[in-house]
Protein backbone atom coordinates (compact mmCIF):
# COMPACT_ATOMS: atom_id res chain seq x y z
CA MET A 1 100.95 46.56 -0.87
CA TYR A 2 100.10 43.68 1.57
CA THR A 3 96.55 42.22 1.60
CA THR A 4 95.41 39.16 3.60
CA VAL A 5 92.97 36.87 2.04
CA ASN A 6 91.48 33.85 4.08
CA GLY A 7 91.81 30.38 2.63
CA ILE A 8 92.04 26.80 3.30
CA TYR A 9 94.86 24.38 2.53
CA GLU A 10 93.76 20.87 1.95
CA LYS A 11 95.49 17.93 0.18
CA GLY A 12 98.15 20.13 -1.54
CA GLN A 13 95.80 22.69 -2.79
CA ILE A 14 94.82 26.26 -1.38
CA THR A 15 91.32 27.45 -1.91
CA LEU A 16 90.77 31.22 -1.40
CA GLU A 17 87.68 32.14 0.52
CA GLU A 18 87.39 35.53 -1.14
CA MET A 19 88.57 37.10 -4.35
CA PRO A 20 92.14 38.47 -4.34
CA PRO A 21 92.57 42.34 -4.70
CA THR A 22 94.17 42.03 -8.16
CA ASN A 23 94.23 40.03 -11.31
CA GLN A 24 97.93 40.83 -11.95
CA LYS A 25 100.76 38.19 -11.54
CA MET A 26 102.08 38.73 -8.00
CA ARG A 27 104.35 37.20 -5.51
CA VAL A 28 102.38 35.87 -2.37
CA LEU A 29 103.33 34.71 1.16
CA VAL A 30 101.40 31.70 2.59
CA THR A 31 100.99 31.49 6.41
CA PHE A 32 99.71 28.40 7.88
CA VAL A 33 97.57 29.07 10.97
CA GLU A 34 96.81 26.16 13.47
CA GLU A 35 93.01 25.71 14.00
CA THR A 36 93.07 26.58 17.54
CA LEU A 37 94.23 30.00 16.74
CA VAL A 38 91.54 30.67 14.02
CA GLN A 39 88.41 32.28 15.52
CA THR A 40 84.95 31.68 14.06
CA PRO A 41 82.58 34.70 13.81
CA ALA A 42 80.57 33.30 16.66
CA GLN A 43 83.71 33.39 18.83
CA THR A 44 84.64 37.02 17.87
CA THR A 45 80.93 38.23 18.66
CA LYS A 46 80.80 36.45 22.15
CA PRO A 47 80.86 39.05 24.92
CA THR A 48 83.90 38.89 27.14
CA LEU A 49 83.44 38.93 30.95
CA GLY A 50 85.02 41.82 32.89
CA PHE A 51 87.38 41.20 35.87
CA ALA A 52 84.52 41.34 38.40
CA GLU A 53 82.64 38.78 36.62
CA ARG A 54 85.41 36.44 36.07
CA TRP A 55 86.61 36.53 39.63
CA GLN A 56 83.34 36.86 41.49
CA GLY A 57 83.35 34.75 44.64
CA GLN A 58 86.99 33.93 44.44
CA PHE A 59 88.13 36.31 47.16
CA LYS A 60 87.18 36.64 50.65
CA ASN A 61 87.49 39.64 52.92
CA ASN A 62 90.01 39.32 55.69
CA VAL A 63 88.07 40.13 58.85
CA GLU A 64 91.43 40.78 60.85
CA THR A 65 92.42 43.64 58.52
CA ASP A 66 94.98 45.99 60.13
CA ASP A 67 92.93 49.10 60.86
CA ALA A 68 95.99 51.39 60.52
CA ARG A 69 96.64 49.99 57.05
CA LEU A 70 93.08 50.04 56.01
CA ALA A 71 92.85 53.79 57.09
CA TYR A 72 95.94 54.49 54.95
CA LEU A 73 94.35 52.81 51.94
CA LYS A 74 91.08 54.46 52.24
CA GLN A 75 92.98 57.90 52.47
CA ARG A 76 95.37 57.05 49.66
CA TYR A 77 92.65 55.98 47.22
CA GLN A 78 89.86 58.33 48.40
CA LEU A 79 87.51 55.34 49.31
């Protein structure tokens, strides 16, 4: 059984932020995660922007679009 428990390593000691799932003696693996990779609860609940919101205003219509190509694309994608 593998279970992940968050903790903090400081000055040679590991402090667990929650109780381990057992009281028995067990082998453990400790993974050190850089702070930039750790997300706080506020970061995880922040709404993410969709493609349109992220790129709004970044693209401009090309006025000189080839009419035949445009007609093909409209037919192909049923626009």
